[in-house]
Amino acid sequence: MVFLQSGTRRLGAGEFWGPIANETRAWLDHLALGKPCVLATPREARATLAATLAIEQSMASAKPVTLPGSD
């Protein structure tokens, strides 16, 4: 579960380190330079969140959980 967390390190105004710095750079490169966007789409991000919440629910209840839309 530790990989699902984001540890943002900030040194000063606009100086980010770690995952947030990489994501910010990728987004800015996409906007300014037209590079392909390698970040998750909203649909992919929502699916990941749903899976993460289902994992937590399953761990708390010790029972299987069905993801929405997987009927």
PDB file of N, CA and C in Angstrom:
ATOM      1  N   MET A   1       0.811  -1.187   0.000  1.00  0.00           N
ATOM      2  CA  MET A   1       0.000   0.000   0.000  1.00  0.00           C
ATOM      3  C   MET A   1       0.861   1.260   0.000  1.00  0.00           C
ATOM      4  N   VAL A   2       2.093   1.168   0.361  1.00  0.00           N
ATOM      5  CA  VAL A   2       2.900   2.383   0.423  1.00  0.00           C
ATOM      6  C   VAL A   2       3.123   3.020  -0.942  1.00  0.00           C
ATOM      7  N   PHE A   3       3.025   2.234  -2.022  1.00  0.00           N
ATOM      8  CA  PHE A   3       3.239   2.787  -3.355  1.00  0.00           C
ATOM      9  C   PHE A   3       2.079   3.659  -3.818  1.00  0.00           C
ATOM     10  N   LEU A   4       0.940   3.582  -3.136  1.00  0.00           N
ATOM     11  CA  LEU A   4      -0.215   4.388  -3.512  1.00  0.00           C
ATOM     12  C   LEU A   4      -0.139   5.796  -2.926  1.00  0.00           C
ATOM     13  N   GLN A   5       0.804   6.033  -2.059  1.00  0.00           N
ATOM     14  CA  GLN A   5       0.940   7.348  -1.444  1.00  0.00           C
ATOM     15  C   GLN A   5       1.936   8.187  -2.230  1.00  0.00           C
ATOM     16  N   SER A   6       1.786   9.493  -2.140  1.00  0.00           N
ATOM     17  CA  SER A   6       2.702  10.389  -2.831  1.00  0.00           C
ATOM     18  C   SER A   6       3.481  11.178  -1.797  1.00  0.00           C
ATOM     19  N   GLY A   7       4.779  11.038  -1.806  1.00  0.00           N
ATOM     20  CA  GLY A   7       5.614  11.799  -0.881  1.00  0.00           C
ATOM     21  C   GLY A   7       6.210  12.998  -1.589  1.00  0.00           C
ATOM     22  N   THR A   8       5.552  14.134  -1.486  1.00  0.00           N
ATOM     23  CA  THR A   8       6.019  15.325  -2.179  1.00  0.00           C
ATOM     24  C   THR A   8       7.034  16.062  -1.328  1.00  0.00           C
ATOM     25  N   ARG A   9       8.169  16.327  -1.904  1.00  0.00           N
ATOM     26  CA  ARG A   9       9.189  17.106  -1.218  1.00  0.00           C
ATOM     27  C   ARG A   9       9.233  18.471  -1.871  1.00  0.00           C
ATOM     28  N   ARG A  10       9.196  19.512  -1.088  1.00  0.00           N
ATOM     29  CA  ARG A  10       9.191  20.850  -1.644  1.00  0.00           C
ATOM     30  C   ARG A  10      10.292  21.677  -0.993  1.00  0.00           C
ATOM     31  N   LEU A  11      11.123  22.271  -1.805  1.00  0.00           N
ATOM     32  CA  LEU A  11      12.230  23.064  -1.283  1.00  0.00           C
ATOM     33  C   LEU A  11      11.911  24.547  -1.239  1.00  0.00           C
ATOM     34  N   GLY A  12      11.127  25.015  -2.129  1.00  0.00           N
ATOM     35  CA  GLY A  12      10.800  26.431  -2.191  1.00  0.00           C
ATOM     36  C   GLY A  12       9.705  26.647  -3.195  1.00  0.00           C
ATOM     37  N   ALA A  13       9.406  27.886  -3.503  1.00  0.00           N
ATOM     38  CA  ALA A  13       8.328  28.187  -4.439  1.00  0.00           C
ATOM     39  C   ALA A  13       8.579  27.520  -5.787  1.00  0.00           C
ATOM     40  N   GLY A  14       7.719  26.600  -6.144  1.00  0.00           N
ATOM     41  CA  GLY A  14       7.810  25.949  -7.441  1.00  0.00           C
ATOM     42  C   GLY A  14       8.856  24.864  -7.564  1.00  0.00           C
ATOM     43  N   GLU A  15       9.520  24.493  -6.497  1.00  0.00           N
ATOM     44  CA  GLU A  15      10.544  23.452  -6.550  1.00  0.00           C
ATOM     45  C   GLU A  15      10.016  22.169  -5.926  1.00  0.00           C
ATOM     46  N   PHE A  16       9.613  21.226  -6.764  1.00  0.00           N
ATOM     47  CA  PHE A  16       9.081  19.956  -6.295  1.00  0.00           C
ATOM     48  C   PHE A  16      10.067  18.839  -6.581  1.00  0.00           C
ATOM     49  N   TRP A  17      10.034  17.817  -5.743  1.00  0.00           N
ATOM     50  CA  TRP A  17      10.865  16.622  -5.919  1.00  0.00           C
ATOM     51  C   TRP A  17       9.963  15.408  -5.817  1.00  0.00           C
ATOM     52  N   GLY A  18      10.356  14.334  -6.430  1.00  0.00           N
ATOM     53  CA  GLY A  18       9.603  13.093  -6.314  1.00  0.00           C
ATOM     54  C   GLY A  18       8.511  12.980  -7.364  1.00  0.00           C
ATOM     55  N   PRO A  19       7.481  12.162  -7.089  1.00  0.00           N
ATOM     56  CA  PRO A  19       6.447  11.874  -8.077  1.00  0.00           C
ATOM     57  C   PRO A  19       5.720  13.117  -8.592  1.00  0.00           C
ATOM     58  N   ILE A  20       5.446  14.069  -7.712  1.00  0.00           N
ATOM     59  CA  ILE A  20       4.723  15.263  -8.139  1.00  0.00           C
ATOM     60  C   ILE A  20       5.556  16.067  -9.134  1.00  0.00           C
ATOM     61  N   ALA A  21       6.859  16.139  -8.927  1.00  0.00           N
ATOM     62  CA  ALA A  21       7.731  16.858  -9.861  1.00  0.00           C
ATOM     63  C   ALA A  21       7.694  16.196 -11.235  1.00  0.00           C
ATOM     64  N   ASN A  22       7.760  14.871 -11.268  1.00  0.00           N
ATOM     65  CA  ASN A  22       7.731  14.139 -12.542  1.00  0.00           C
ATOM     66  C   ASN A  22       6.394  14.335 -13.262  1.00  0.00           C
ATOM     67  N   GLU A  23       5.293  14.269 -12.508  1.00  0.00           N
ATOM     68  CA  GLU A  23       3.973  14.444 -13.115  1.00  0.00           C
ATOM     69  C   GLU A  23       3.791  15.867 -13.622  1.00  0.00           C
ATOM     70  N   THR A  24       4.247  16.836 -12.844  1.00  0.00           N
ATOM     71  CA  THR A  24       4.137  18.239 -13.252  1.00  0.00           C
ATOM     72  C   THR A  24       4.946  18.495 -14.518  1.00  0.00           C
ATOM     73  N   ARG A  25       6.167  17.973 -14.578  1.00  0.00           N
ATOM     74  CA  ARG A  25       7.016  18.145 -15.757  1.00  0.00           C
ATOM     75  C   ARG A  25       6.373  17.489 -16.981  1.00  0.00           C
ATOM     76  N   ALA A  26       5.822  16.297 -16.829  1.00  0.00           N
ATOM     77  CA  ALA A  26       5.175  15.608 -17.946  1.00  0.00           C
ATOM     78  C   ALA A  26       3.983  16.414 -18.466  1.00  0.00           C
ATOM     79  N   TRP A  27       3.196  16.978 -17.562  1.00  0.00           N
ATOM     80  CA  TRP A  27       2.026  17.766 -17.958  1.00  0.00           C
ATOM     81  C   TRP A  27       2.458  19.054 -18.665  1.00  0.00           C
ATOM     82  N   LEU A  28       3.457  19.740 -18.114  1.00  0.00           N
ATOM     83  CA  LEU A  28       3.936  20.972 -18.736  1.00  0.00           C
ATOM     84  C   LEU A  28       4.558  20.697 -20.109  1.00  0.00           C
ATOM     85  N   ASP A  29       5.301  19.602 -20.245  1.00  0.00           N
ATOM     86  CA  ASP A  29       5.874  19.229 -21.535  1.00  0.00           C
ATOM     87  C   ASP A  29       4.773  18.932 -22.558  1.00  0.00           C
ATOM     88  N   HIS A  30       3.699  18.328 -22.086  1.00  0.00           N
ATOM     89  CA  HIS A  30       2.558  18.043 -22.965  1.00  0.00           C
ATOM     90  C   HIS A  30       1.942  19.353 -23.453  1.00  0.00           C
ATOM     91  N   LEU A  31       1.710  20.280 -22.529  1.00  0.00           N
ATOM     92  CA  LEU A  31       1.077  21.545 -22.899  1.00  0.00           C
ATOM     93  C   LEU A  31       1.981  22.441 -23.739  1.00  0.00           C
ATOM     94  N   ALA A  32       3.228  22.597 -23.319  1.00  0.00           N
ATOM     95  CA  ALA A  32       4.129  23.563 -23.954  1.00  0.00           C
ATOM     96  C   ALA A  32       4.824  23.026 -25.200  1.00  0.00           C
ATOM     97  N   LEU A  33       5.140  21.742 -25.204  1.00  0.00           N
ATOM     98  CA  LEU A  33       5.944  21.183 -26.291  1.00  0.00           C
ATOM     99  C   LEU A  33       5.187  20.205 -27.179  1.00  0.00           C
ATOM    100  N   GLY A  34       3.944  19.902 -26.803  1.00  0.00           N
ATOM    101  CA  GLY A  34       3.152  18.976 -27.599  1.00  0.00           C
ATOM    102  C   GLY A  34       3.565  17.528 -27.474  1.00  0.00           C
ATOM    103  N   LYS A  35       4.350  17.213 -26.438  1.00  0.00           N
ATOM    104  CA  LYS A  35       4.750  15.810 -26.235  1.00  0.00           C
ATOM    105  C   LYS A  35       3.523  14.983 -25.837  1.00  0.00           C
ATOM    106  N   PRO A  36       3.543  13.694 -26.133  1.00  0.00           N
ATOM    107  CA  PRO A  36       2.412  12.848 -25.725  1.00  0.00           C
ATOM    108  C   PRO A  36       2.228  12.881 -24.208  1.00  0.00           C
ATOM    109  N   CYS A  37       0.977  12.872 -23.794  1.00  0.00           N
ATOM    110  CA  CYS A  37       0.684  12.882 -22.355  1.00  0.00           C
ATOM    111  C   CYS A  37       0.739  11.446 -21.842  1.00  0.00           C
ATOM    112  N   VAL A  38       1.635  11.190 -20.917  1.00  0.00           N
ATOM    113  CA  VAL A  38       1.826   9.836 -20.394  1.00  0.00           C
ATOM    114  C   VAL A  38       1.093   9.622 -19.075  1.00  0.00           C
ATOM    115  N   LEU A  39       0.378  10.648 -18.616  1.00  0.00           N
ATOM    116  CA  LEU A  39      -0.337  10.547 -17.349  1.00  0.00           C
ATOM    117  C   LEU A  39      -1.658   9.794 -17.546  1.00  0.00           C
ATOM    118  N   ALA A  40      -2.198   9.312 -16.465  1.00  0.00           N
ATOM    119  CA  ALA A  40      -3.460   8.578 -16.519  1.00  0.00           C
ATOM    120  C   ALA A  40      -4.590   9.493 -16.973  1.00  0.00           C
ATOM    121  N   THR A  41      -5.512   8.910 -17.714  1.00  0.00           N
ATOM    122  CA  THR A  41      -6.719   9.641 -18.084  1.00  0.00           C
ATOM    123  C   THR A  41      -7.644   9.686 -16.867  1.00  0.00           C
ATOM    124  N   PRO A  42      -8.638  10.565 -16.865  1.00  0.00           N
ATOM    125  CA  PRO A  42      -9.587  10.568 -15.744  1.00  0.00           C
ATOM    126  C   PRO A  42     -10.245   9.202 -15.535  1.00  0.00           C
ATOM    127  N   ARG A  43     -10.577   8.513 -16.615  1.00  0.00           N
ATOM    128  CA  ARG A  43     -11.208   7.187 -16.494  1.00  0.00           C
ATOM    129  C   ARG A  43     -10.250   6.185 -15.835  1.00  0.00           C
ATOM    130  N   GLU A  44      -8.971   6.206 -16.247  1.00  0.00           N
ATOM    131  CA  GLU A  44      -7.973   5.303 -15.649  1.00  0.00           C
ATOM    132  C   GLU A  44      -7.744   5.643 -14.178  1.00  0.00           C
ATOM    133  N   ALA A  45      -7.698   6.922 -13.870  1.00  0.00           N
ATOM    134  CA  ALA A  45      -7.501   7.338 -12.477  1.00  0.00           C
ATOM    135  C   ALA A  45      -8.676   6.900 -11.609  1.00  0.00           C
ATOM    136  N   ARG A  46      -9.895   7.024 -12.133  1.00  0.00           N
ATOM    137  CA  ARG A  46     -11.090   6.622 -11.376  1.00  0.00           C
ATOM    138  C   ARG A  46     -11.102   5.116 -11.148  1.00  0.00           C
ATOM    139  N   ALA A  47     -10.706   4.347 -12.150  1.00  0.00           N
ATOM    140  CA  ALA A  47     -10.652   2.887 -12.009  1.00  0.00           C
ATOM    141  C   ALA A  47      -9.618   2.484 -10.964  1.00  0.00           C
ATOM    142  N   THR A  48      -8.487   3.170 -10.941  1.00  0.00           N
ATOM    143  CA  THR A  48      -7.453   2.888  -9.946  1.00  0.00           C
ATOM    144  C   THR A  48      -7.946   3.222  -8.544  1.00  0.00           C
ATOM    145  N   LEU A  49      -8.634   4.358  -8.416  1.00  0.00           N
ATOM    146  CA  LEU A  49      -9.195   4.729  -7.115  1.00  0.00           C
ATOM    147  C   LEU A  49     -10.220   3.705  -6.649  1.00  0.00           C
ATOM    148  N   ALA A  50     -11.094   3.262  -7.557  1.00  0.00           N
ATOM    149  CA  ALA A  50     -12.103   2.256  -7.200  1.00  0.00           C
ATOM    150  C   ALA A  50     -11.441   0.964  -6.724  1.00  0.00           C
ATOM    151  N   ALA A  51     -10.389   0.532  -7.411  1.00  0.00           N
ATOM    152  CA  ALA A  51      -9.677  -0.687  -7.011  1.00  0.00           C
ATOM    153  C   ALA A  51      -9.011  -0.502  -5.648  1.00  0.00           C
ATOM    154  N   THR A  52      -8.414   0.665  -5.425  1.00  0.00           N
ATOM    155  CA  THR A  52      -7.759   0.941  -4.143  1.00  0.00           C
ATOM    156  C   THR A  52      -8.769   0.921  -3.000  1.00  0.00           C
ATOM    157  N   LEU A  53      -9.916   1.564  -3.201  1.00  0.00           N
ATOM    158  CA  LEU A  53     -10.955   1.575  -2.166  1.00  0.00           C
ATOM    159  C   LEU A  53     -11.510   0.172  -1.916  1.00  0.00           C
ATOM    160  N   ALA A  54     -11.642  -0.626  -2.973  1.00  0.00           N
ATOM    161  CA  ALA A  54     -12.116  -2.003  -2.813  1.00  0.00           C
ATOM    162  C   ALA A  54     -11.114  -2.839  -2.024  1.00  0.00           C
ATOM    163  N   ILE A  55      -9.826  -2.619  -2.273  1.00  0.00           N
ATOM    164  CA  ILE A  55      -8.789  -3.339  -1.514  1.00  0.00           C
ATOM    165  C   ILE A  55      -8.905  -2.995  -0.036  1.00  0.00           C
ATOM    166  N   GLU A  56      -9.036  -1.717   0.266  1.00  0.00           N
ATOM    167  CA  GLU A  56      -9.156  -1.303   1.675  1.00  0.00           C
ATOM    168  C   GLU A  56     -10.414  -1.873   2.316  1.00  0.00           C
ATOM    169  N   GLN A  57     -11.535  -1.846   1.578  1.00  0.00           N
ATOM    170  CA  GLN A  57     -12.784  -2.383   2.106  1.00  0.00           C
ATOM    171  C   GLN A  57     -12.668  -3.885   2.346  1.00  0.00           C
ATOM    172  N   SER A  58     -12.056  -4.593   1.410  1.00  0.00           N
ATOM    173  CA  SER A  58     -11.879  -6.034   1.547  1.00  0.00           C
ATOM    174  C   SER A  58     -10.972  -6.376   2.730  1.00  0.00           C
ATOM    175  N   MET A  59      -9.914  -5.597   2.889  1.00  0.00           N
ATOM    176  CA  MET A  59      -9.013  -5.848   4.026  1.00  0.00           C
ATOM    177  C   MET A  59      -9.722  -5.613   5.357  1.00  0.00           C
ATOM    178  N   ALA A  60     -10.546  -4.575   5.426  1.00  0.00           N
ATOM    179  CA  ALA A  60     -11.249  -4.253   6.676  1.00  0.00           C
ATOM    180  C   ALA A  60     -12.322  -5.294   7.004  1.00  0.00           C
ATOM    181  N   SER A  61     -12.991  -5.794   5.979  1.00  0.00           N
ATOM    182  CA  SER A  61     -14.087  -6.741   6.213  1.00  0.00           C
ATOM    183  C   SER A  61     -13.659  -8.194   6.117  1.00  0.00           C
ATOM    184  N   ALA A  62     -12.458  -8.440   5.585  1.00  0.00           N
ATOM    185  CA  ALA A  62     -11.955  -9.797   5.345  1.00  0.00           C
ATOM    186  C   ALA A  62     -12.892 -10.580   4.422  1.00  0.00           C
ATOM    187  N   LYS A  63     -13.561  -9.867   3.502  1.00  0.00           N
ATOM    188  CA  LYS A  63     -14.458 -10.488   2.535  1.00  0.00           C
ATOM    189  C   LYS A  63     -14.144  -9.965   1.145  1.00  0.00           C
ATOM    190  N   PRO A  64     -14.490 -10.745   0.113  1.00  0.00           N
ATOM    191  CA  PRO A  64     -14.299 -10.258  -1.263  1.00  0.00           C
ATOM    192  C   PRO A  64     -15.224  -9.053  -1.527  1.00  0.00           C
ATOM    193  N   VAL A  65     -14.774  -8.179  -2.386  1.00  0.00           N
ATOM    194  CA  VAL A  65     -15.545  -6.993  -2.762  1.00  0.00           C
ATOM    195  C   VAL A  65     -15.668  -6.967  -4.278  1.00  0.00           C
ATOM    196  N   THR A  66     -16.842  -6.636  -4.772  1.00  0.00           N
ATOM    197  CA  THR A  66     -17.070  -6.530  -6.211  1.00  0.00           C
ATOM    198  C   THR A  66     -16.894  -5.065  -6.611  1.00  0.00           C
ATOM    199  N   LEU A  67     -16.101  -4.844  -7.647  1.00  0.00           N
ATOM    200  CA  LEU A  67     -15.893  -3.491  -8.145  1.00  0.00           C
ATOM    201  C   LEU A  67     -17.119  -3.051  -8.935  1.00  0.00           C
ATOM    202  N   PRO A  68     -17.449  -1.755  -8.865  1.00  0.00           N
ATOM    203  CA  PRO A  68     -18.574  -1.254  -9.681  1.00  0.00           C
ATOM    204  C   PRO A  68     -18.291  -1.492 -11.156  1.00  0.00           C
ATOM    205  N   GLY A  69     -19.309  -1.919 -11.900  1.00  0.00           N
ATOM    206  CA  GLY A  69     -19.159  -2.134 -13.325  1.00  0.00           C
ATOM    207  C   GLY A  69     -18.522  -3.464 -13.701  1.00  0.00           C
ATOM    208  N   SER A  70     -18.223  -4.312 -12.724  1.00  0.00           N
ATOM    209  CA  SER A  70     -17.593  -5.596 -13.044  1.00  0.00           C
ATOM    210  C   SER A  70     -18.587  -6.753 -12.950  1.00  0.00           C
ATOM    211  N   ASP A  71     -19.860  -6.431 -13.048  1.00  0.00           N
ATOM    212  CA  ASP A  71     -20.908  -7.457 -12.942  1.00  0.00           C
ATOM    213  C   ASP A  71     -20.877  -8.407 -14.094  1.00  0.00           C
TER     214      ASP A  71
END
